Amino acid sequence: MAKKLYREEDGAMVVGVVAGLANYFKQDPTLFRVLAILFLVLTGIFPGILLYLGAWFVMPNRPRHADYTIVE
């Protein structure tokens, strides 16, 4: 079964894109938030914002089904 990338509502600071990426790679969300801020600063903010908005549009929310379980 392939891993799927979802936005995380639990632990989200804005809309859950960075928290979803951290969960996908099984890393600390704080690390990904710091990397996202560095990316924003180093690219002049506008490209990073466009990338974030694109990810927000493309990444689905994690399903909230009662029978849904995370397989590791």
PDB file of N, CA and C in Angstrom:
ATOM      1  N   MET A   1       0.850  -1.186   0.000  1.00  0.00           N
ATOM      2  CA  MET A   1       0.000   0.000   0.000  1.00  0.00           C
ATOM      3  C   MET A   1       0.888   1.239   0.000  1.00  0.00           C
ATOM      4  N   ALA A   2       0.622   2.139  -0.889  1.00  0.00           N
ATOM      5  CA  ALA A   2       1.420   3.352  -1.022  1.00  0.00           C
ATOM      6  C   ALA A   2       1.016   4.385   0.024  1.00  0.00           C
ATOM      7  N   LYS A   3       2.009   5.153   0.467  1.00  0.00           N
ATOM      8  CA  LYS A   3       1.710   6.248   1.388  1.00  0.00           C
ATOM      9  C   LYS A   3       1.009   7.353   0.611  1.00  0.00           C
ATOM     10  N   LYS A   4       0.118   8.064   1.300  1.00  0.00           N
ATOM     11  CA  LYS A   4      -0.588   9.171   0.670  1.00  0.00           C
ATOM     12  C   LYS A   4      -0.300  10.449   1.430  1.00  0.00           C
ATOM     13  N   LEU A   5      -0.247  11.532   0.699  1.00  0.00           N
ATOM     14  CA  LEU A   5       0.035  12.845   1.262  1.00  0.00           C
ATOM     15  C   LEU A   5      -1.282  13.578   1.486  1.00  0.00           C
ATOM     16  N   TYR A   6      -1.529  13.945   2.752  1.00  0.00           N
ATOM     17  CA  TYR A   6      -2.744  14.666   3.122  1.00  0.00           C
ATOM     18  C   TYR A   6      -2.383  15.906   3.910  1.00  0.00           C
ATOM     19  N   ARG A   7      -3.278  16.910   3.867  1.00  0.00           N
ATOM     20  CA  ARG A   7      -3.160  18.043   4.779  1.00  0.00           C
ATOM     21  C   ARG A   7      -3.629  17.579   6.148  1.00  0.00           C
ATOM     22  N   GLU A   8      -2.961  18.047   7.194  1.00  0.00           N
ATOM     23  CA  GLU A   8      -3.296  17.663   8.564  1.00  0.00           C
ATOM     24  C   GLU A   8      -4.032  18.799   9.253  1.00  0.00           C
ATOM     25  N   GLU A   9      -5.254  18.553   9.669  1.00  0.00           N
ATOM     26  CA  GLU A   9      -5.989  19.565  10.429  1.00  0.00           C
ATOM     27  C   GLU A   9      -5.528  19.585  11.879  1.00  0.00           C
ATOM     28  N   ASP A  10      -5.180  18.417  12.410  1.00  0.00           N
ATOM     29  CA  ASP A  10      -4.669  18.346  13.779  1.00  0.00           C
ATOM     30  C   ASP A  10      -3.224  18.814  13.785  1.00  0.00           C
ATOM     31  N   GLY A  11      -2.933  19.828  14.559  1.00  0.00           N
ATOM     32  CA  GLY A  11      -1.577  20.353  14.638  1.00  0.00           C
ATOM     33  C   GLY A  11      -1.248  21.349  13.539  1.00  0.00           C
ATOM     34  N   ALA A  12      -2.238  21.770  12.787  1.00  0.00           N
ATOM     35  CA  ALA A  12      -2.001  22.723  11.705  1.00  0.00           C
ATOM     36  C   ALA A  12      -1.868  24.136  12.253  1.00  0.00           C
ATOM     37  N   MET A  13      -0.943  24.889  11.691  1.00  0.00           N
ATOM     38  CA  MET A  13      -0.790  26.292  12.072  1.00  0.00           C
ATOM     39  C   MET A  13      -1.619  27.189  11.141  1.00  0.00           C
ATOM     40  N   VAL A  14      -1.635  26.873   9.856  1.00  0.00           N
ATOM     41  CA  VAL A  14      -2.429  27.654   8.902  1.00  0.00           C
ATOM     42  C   VAL A  14      -3.505  26.736   8.314  1.00  0.00           C
ATOM     43  N   VAL A  15      -3.154  25.937   7.307  1.00  0.00           N
ATOM     44  CA  VAL A  15      -4.143  25.017   6.727  1.00  0.00           C
ATOM     45  C   VAL A  15      -3.674  23.570   6.737  1.00  0.00           C
ATOM     46  N   GLY A  16      -2.483  23.285   7.264  1.00  0.00           N
ATOM     47  CA  GLY A  16      -2.037  21.914   7.439  1.00  0.00           C
ATOM     48  C   GLY A  16      -1.125  21.364   6.369  1.00  0.00           C
ATOM     49  N   VAL A  17      -0.682  22.185   5.422  1.00  0.00           N
ATOM     50  CA  VAL A  17       0.200  21.706   4.356  1.00  0.00           C
ATOM     51  C   VAL A  17       1.537  21.243   4.932  1.00  0.00           C
ATOM     52  N   VAL A  18       2.168  22.064   5.736  1.00  0.00           N
ATOM     53  CA  VAL A  18       3.485  21.726   6.291  1.00  0.00           C
ATOM     54  C   VAL A  18       3.374  20.569   7.279  1.00  0.00           C
ATOM     55  N   ALA A  19       2.315  20.542   8.079  1.00  0.00           N
ATOM     56  CA  ALA A  19       2.112  19.426   9.008  1.00  0.00           C
ATOM     57  C   ALA A  19       1.881  18.132   8.241  1.00  0.00           C
ATOM     58  N   GLY A  20       1.194  18.190   7.127  1.00  0.00           N
ATOM     59  CA  GLY A  20       0.983  17.014   6.292  1.00  0.00           C
ATOM     60  C   GLY A  20       2.275  16.504   5.689  1.00  0.00           C
ATOM     61  N   LEU A  21       3.133  17.422   5.236  1.00  0.00           N
ATOM     62  CA  LEU A  21       4.441  17.021   4.705  1.00  0.00           C
ATOM     63  C   LEU A  21       5.291  16.366   5.789  1.00  0.00           C
ATOM     64  N   ALA A  22       5.276  16.938   6.986  1.00  0.00           N
ATOM     65  CA  ALA A  22       6.048  16.371   8.096  1.00  0.00           C
ATOM     66  C   ALA A  22       5.541  14.974   8.443  1.00  0.00           C
ATOM     67  N   ASN A  23       4.235  14.794   8.460  1.00  0.00           N
ATOM     68  CA  ASN A  23       3.668  13.482   8.758  1.00  0.00           C
ATOM     69  C   ASN A  23       4.028  12.475   7.669  1.00  0.00           C
ATOM     70  N   TYR A  24       4.003  12.884   6.422  1.00  0.00           N
ATOM     71  CA  TYR A  24       4.329  12.006   5.300  1.00  0.00           C
ATOM     72  C   TYR A  24       5.764  11.479   5.411  1.00  0.00           C
ATOM     73  N   PHE A  25       6.683  12.366   5.806  1.00  0.00           N
ATOM     74  CA  PHE A  25       8.087  11.983   5.940  1.00  0.00           C
ATOM     75  C   PHE A  25       8.445  11.524   7.354  1.00  0.00           C
ATOM     76  N   LYS A  26       7.434  11.440   8.239  1.00  0.00           N
ATOM     77  CA  LYS A  26       7.610  11.001   9.631  1.00  0.00           C
ATOM     78  C   LYS A  26       8.680  11.820  10.360  1.00  0.00           C
ATOM     79  N   GLN A  27       8.536  13.137  10.281  1.00  0.00           N
ATOM     80  CA  GLN A  27       9.458  14.071  10.912  1.00  0.00           C
ATOM     81  C   GLN A  27       8.678  15.025  11.814  1.00  0.00           C
ATOM     82  N   ASP A  28       9.427  15.797  12.584  1.00  0.00           N
ATOM     83  CA  ASP A  28       8.836  16.789  13.470  1.00  0.00           C
ATOM     84  C   ASP A  28       8.297  17.967  12.649  1.00  0.00           C
ATOM     85  N   PRO A  29       7.043  18.365  12.852  1.00  0.00           N
ATOM     86  CA  PRO A  29       6.493  19.492  12.104  1.00  0.00           C
ATOM     87  C   PRO A  29       7.262  20.799  12.312  1.00  0.00           C
ATOM     88  N   THR A  30       7.877  20.969  13.482  1.00  0.00           N
ATOM     89  CA  THR A  30       8.646  22.183  13.740  1.00  0.00           C
ATOM     90  C   THR A  30       9.809  22.314  12.766  1.00  0.00           C
ATOM     91  N   LEU A  31      10.473  21.210  12.479  1.00  0.00           N
ATOM     92  CA  LEU A  31      11.572  21.213  11.513  1.00  0.00           C
ATOM     93  C   LEU A  31      11.071  21.665  10.145  1.00  0.00           C
ATOM     94  N   PHE A  32       9.945  21.150   9.719  1.00  0.00           N
ATOM     95  CA  PHE A  32       9.398  21.524   8.421  1.00  0.00           C
ATOM     96  C   PHE A  32       8.927  22.974   8.409  1.00  0.00           C
ATOM     97  N   ARG A  33       8.428  23.469   9.537  1.00  0.00           N
ATOM     98  CA  ARG A  33       8.018  24.877   9.599  1.00  0.00           C
ATOM     99  C   ARG A  33       9.222  25.807   9.474  1.00  0.00           C
ATOM    100  N   VAL A  34      10.316  25.448  10.136  1.00  0.00           N
ATOM    101  CA  VAL A  34      11.545  26.249  10.035  1.00  0.00           C
ATOM    102  C   VAL A  34      12.056  26.225   8.601  1.00  0.00           C
ATOM    103  N   LEU A  35      12.051  25.053   7.971  1.00  0.00           N
ATOM    104  CA  LEU A  35      12.493  24.952   6.579  1.00  0.00           C
ATOM    105  C   LEU A  35      11.581  25.753   5.646  1.00  0.00           C
ATOM    106  N   ALA A  36      10.277  25.752   5.915  1.00  0.00           N
ATOM    107  CA  ALA A  36       9.346  26.522   5.095  1.00  0.00           C
ATOM    108  C   ALA A  36       9.612  28.022   5.226  1.00  0.00           C
ATOM    109  N   ILE A  37       9.883  28.476   6.428  1.00  0.00           N
ATOM    110  CA  ILE A  37      10.186  29.895   6.637  1.00  0.00           C
ATOM    111  C   ILE A  37      11.493  30.269   5.952  1.00  0.00           C
ATOM    112  N   LEU A  38      12.505  29.410   6.062  1.00  0.00           N
ATOM    113  CA  LEU A  38      13.767  29.654   5.361  1.00  0.00           C
ATOM    114  C   LEU A  38      13.549  29.720   3.854  1.00  0.00           C
ATOM    115  N   PHE A  39      12.739  28.812   3.330  1.00  0.00           N
ATOM    116  CA  PHE A  39      12.441  28.827   1.901  1.00  0.00           C
ATOM    117  C   PHE A  39      11.761  30.133   1.497  1.00  0.00           C
ATOM    118  N   LEU A  40      10.812  30.582   2.321  1.00  0.00           N
ATOM    119  CA  LEU A  40      10.124  31.844   2.027  1.00  0.00           C
ATOM    120  C   LEU A  40      11.096  33.018   1.990  1.00  0.00           C
ATOM    121  N   VAL A  41      11.982  33.067   2.970  1.00  0.00           N
ATOM    122  CA  VAL A  41      12.932  34.183   3.049  1.00  0.00           C
ATOM    123  C   VAL A  41      13.935  34.126   1.891  1.00  0.00           C
ATOM    124  N   LEU A  42      14.447  32.952   1.604  1.00  0.00           N
ATOM    125  CA  LEU A  42      15.482  32.814   0.573  1.00  0.00           C
ATOM    126  C   LEU A  42      14.951  32.998  -0.844  1.00  0.00           C
ATOM    127  N   THR A  43      13.676  32.751  -1.073  1.00  0.00           N
ATOM    128  CA  THR A  43      13.130  32.904  -2.422  1.00  0.00           C
ATOM    129  C   THR A  43      12.428  34.240  -2.626  1.00  0.00           C
ATOM    130  N   GLY A  44      12.437  35.086  -1.637  1.00  0.00           N
ATOM    131  CA  GLY A  44      11.804  36.390  -1.793  1.00  0.00           C
ATOM    132  C   GLY A  44      10.318  36.356  -1.501  1.00  0.00           C
ATOM    133  N   ILE A  45       9.860  35.440  -0.734  1.00  0.00           N
ATOM    134  CA  ILE A  45       8.506  35.275  -0.214  1.00  0.00           C
ATOM    135  C   ILE A  45       7.466  34.913  -1.281  1.00  0.00           C
ATOM    136  N   PHE A  46       7.387  35.608  -2.383  1.00  0.00           N
ATOM    137  CA  PHE A  46       6.319  35.382  -3.358  1.00  0.00           C
ATOM    138  C   PHE A  46       6.306  33.964  -3.931  1.00  0.00           C
ATOM    139  N   PRO A  47       7.434  33.397  -4.403  1.00  0.00           N
ATOM    140  CA  PRO A  47       7.387  32.010  -4.921  1.00  0.00           C
ATOM    141  C   PRO A  47       6.968  30.997  -3.856  1.00  0.00           C
ATOM    142  N   GLY A  48       7.403  31.193  -2.629  1.00  0.00           N
ATOM    143  CA  GLY A  48       7.030  30.286  -1.556  1.00  0.00           C
ATOM    144  C   GLY A  48       5.542  30.346  -1.258  1.00  0.00           C
ATOM    145  N   ILE A  49       4.981  31.534  -1.298  1.00  0.00           N
ATOM    146  CA  ILE A  49       3.545  31.683  -1.067  1.00  0.00           C
ATOM    147  C   ILE A  49       2.757  31.020  -2.192  1.00  0.00           C
ATOM    148  N   LEU A  50       3.205  31.187  -3.427  1.00  0.00           N
ATOM    149  CA  LEU A  50       2.529  30.528  -4.543  1.00  0.00           C
ATOM    150  C   LEU A  50       2.599  29.007  -4.421  1.00  0.00           C
ATOM    151  N   LEU A  51       3.751  28.490  -4.014  1.00  0.00           N
ATOM    152  CA  LEU A  51       3.906  27.054  -3.833  1.00  0.00           C
ATOM    153  C   LEU A  51       2.993  26.544  -2.722  1.00  0.00           C
ATOM    154  N   TYR A  52       2.922  27.276  -1.620  1.00  0.00           N
ATOM    155  CA  TYR A  52       2.059  26.899  -0.508  1.00  0.00           C
ATOM    156  C   TYR A  52       0.588  26.905  -0.927  1.00  0.00           C
ATOM    157  N   LEU A  53       0.173  27.945  -1.624  1.00  0.00           N
ATOM    158  CA  LEU A  53      -1.210  28.020  -2.086  1.00  0.00           C
ATOM    159  C   LEU A  53      -1.530  26.891  -3.061  1.00  0.00           C
ATOM    160  N   GLY A  54      -0.582  26.574  -3.927  1.00  0.00           N
ATOM    161  CA  GLY A  54      -0.776  25.454  -4.854  1.00  0.00           C
ATOM    162  C   GLY A  54      -0.914  24.133  -4.113  1.00  0.00           C
ATOM    163  N   ALA A  55      -0.081  23.928  -3.086  1.00  0.00           N
ATOM    164  CA  ALA A  55      -0.167  22.702  -2.295  1.00  0.00           C
ATOM    165  C   ALA A  55      -1.487  22.650  -1.540  1.00  0.00           C
ATOM    166  N   TRP A  56      -1.951  23.780  -1.051  1.00  0.00           N
ATOM    167  CA  TRP A  56      -3.226  23.845  -0.341  1.00  0.00           C
ATOM    168  C   TRP A  56      -4.363  23.419  -1.272  1.00  0.00           C
ATOM    169  N   PHE A  57      -4.294  23.867  -2.503  1.00  0.00           N
ATOM    170  CA  PHE A  57      -5.331  23.554  -3.472  1.00  0.00           C
ATOM    171  C   PHE A  57      -5.286  22.078  -3.880  1.00  0.00           C
ATOM    172  N   VAL A  58      -4.090  21.500  -4.013  1.00  0.00           N
ATOM    173  CA  VAL A  58      -3.923  20.146  -4.543  1.00  0.00           C
ATOM    174  C   VAL A  58      -4.038  19.064  -3.466  1.00  0.00           C
ATOM    175  N   MET A  59      -3.517  19.329  -2.267  1.00  0.00           N
ATOM    176  CA  MET A  59      -3.498  18.302  -1.216  1.00  0.00           C
ATOM    177  C   MET A  59      -4.879  18.155  -0.571  1.00  0.00           C
ATOM    178  N   PRO A  60      -5.402  16.928  -0.521  1.00  0.00           N
ATOM    179  CA  PRO A  60      -6.706  16.726   0.146  1.00  0.00           C
ATOM    180  C   PRO A  60      -6.550  16.676   1.659  1.00  0.00           C
ATOM    181  N   ASN A  61      -7.645  16.955   2.371  1.00  0.00           N
ATOM    182  CA  ASN A  61      -7.659  16.783   3.828  1.00  0.00           C
ATOM    183  C   ASN A  61      -7.606  15.304   4.158  1.00  0.00           C
ATOM    184  N   ARG A  62      -7.048  14.982   5.319  1.00  0.00           N
ATOM    185  CA  ARG A  62      -7.047  13.594   5.767  1.00  0.00           C
ATOM    186  C   ARG A  62      -8.482  13.174   6.024  1.00  0.00           C
ATOM    187  N   PRO A  63      -8.889  11.994   5.526  1.00  0.00           N
ATOM    188  CA  PRO A  63     -10.261  11.513   5.757  1.00  0.00           C
ATOM    189  C   PRO A  63     -10.552  11.338   7.239  1.00  0.00           C
ATOM    190  N   ARG A  64     -11.771  11.575   7.637  1.00  0.00           N
ATOM    191  CA  ARG A  64     -12.183  11.455   9.040  1.00  0.00           C
ATOM    192  C   ARG A  64     -13.147  10.285   9.237  1.00  0.00           C
ATOM    193  N   HIS A  65     -12.983   9.206   8.491  1.00  0.00           N
ATOM    194  CA  HIS A  65     -13.869   8.047   8.592  1.00  0.00           C
ATOM    195  C   HIS A  65     -13.595   7.273   9.869  1.00  0.00           C
ATOM    196  N   ALA A  66     -14.612   6.661  10.418  1.00  0.00           N
ATOM    197  CA  ALA A  66     -14.465   5.866  11.631  1.00  0.00           C
ATOM    198  C   ALA A  66     -13.623   4.627  11.385  1.00  0.00           C
ATOM    199  N   ASP A  67     -13.664   4.082  10.162  1.00  0.00           N
ATOM    200  CA  ASP A  67     -12.910   2.869   9.865  1.00  0.00           C
ATOM    201  C   ASP A  67     -11.524   3.177   9.285  1.00  0.00           C
ATOM    202  N   TYR A  68     -11.170   4.444   9.205  1.00  0.00           N
ATOM    203  CA  TYR A  68      -9.875   4.835   8.637  1.00  0.00           C
ATOM    204  C   TYR A  68      -8.778   4.666   9.687  1.00  0.00           C
ATOM    205  N   THR A  69      -7.706   3.978   9.315  1.00  0.00           N
ATOM    206  CA  THR A  69      -6.571   3.815  10.210  1.00  0.00           C
ATOM    207  C   THR A  69      -5.303   4.118   9.448  1.00  0.00           C
ATOM    208  N   ILE A  70      -4.298   4.621  10.149  1.00  0.00           N
ATOM    209  CA  ILE A  70      -3.003   4.909   9.571  1.00  0.00           C
ATOM    210  C   ILE A  70      -2.164   3.630   9.618  1.00  0.00           C
ATOM    211  N   VAL A  71      -1.688   3.202   8.472  1.00  0.00           N
ATOM    212  CA  VAL A  71      -0.856   2.007   8.391  1.00  0.00           C
ATOM    213  C   VAL A  71       0.589   2.440   8.276  1.00  0.00           C
ATOM    214  N   GLU A  72       1.436   1.945   9.162  1.00  0.00           N
ATOM    215  CA  GLU A  72       2.845   2.330   9.125  1.00  0.00           C
ATOM    216  C   GLU A  72       3.710   1.191   8.704  1.00  0.00           C
TER     217      GLU A  72
END
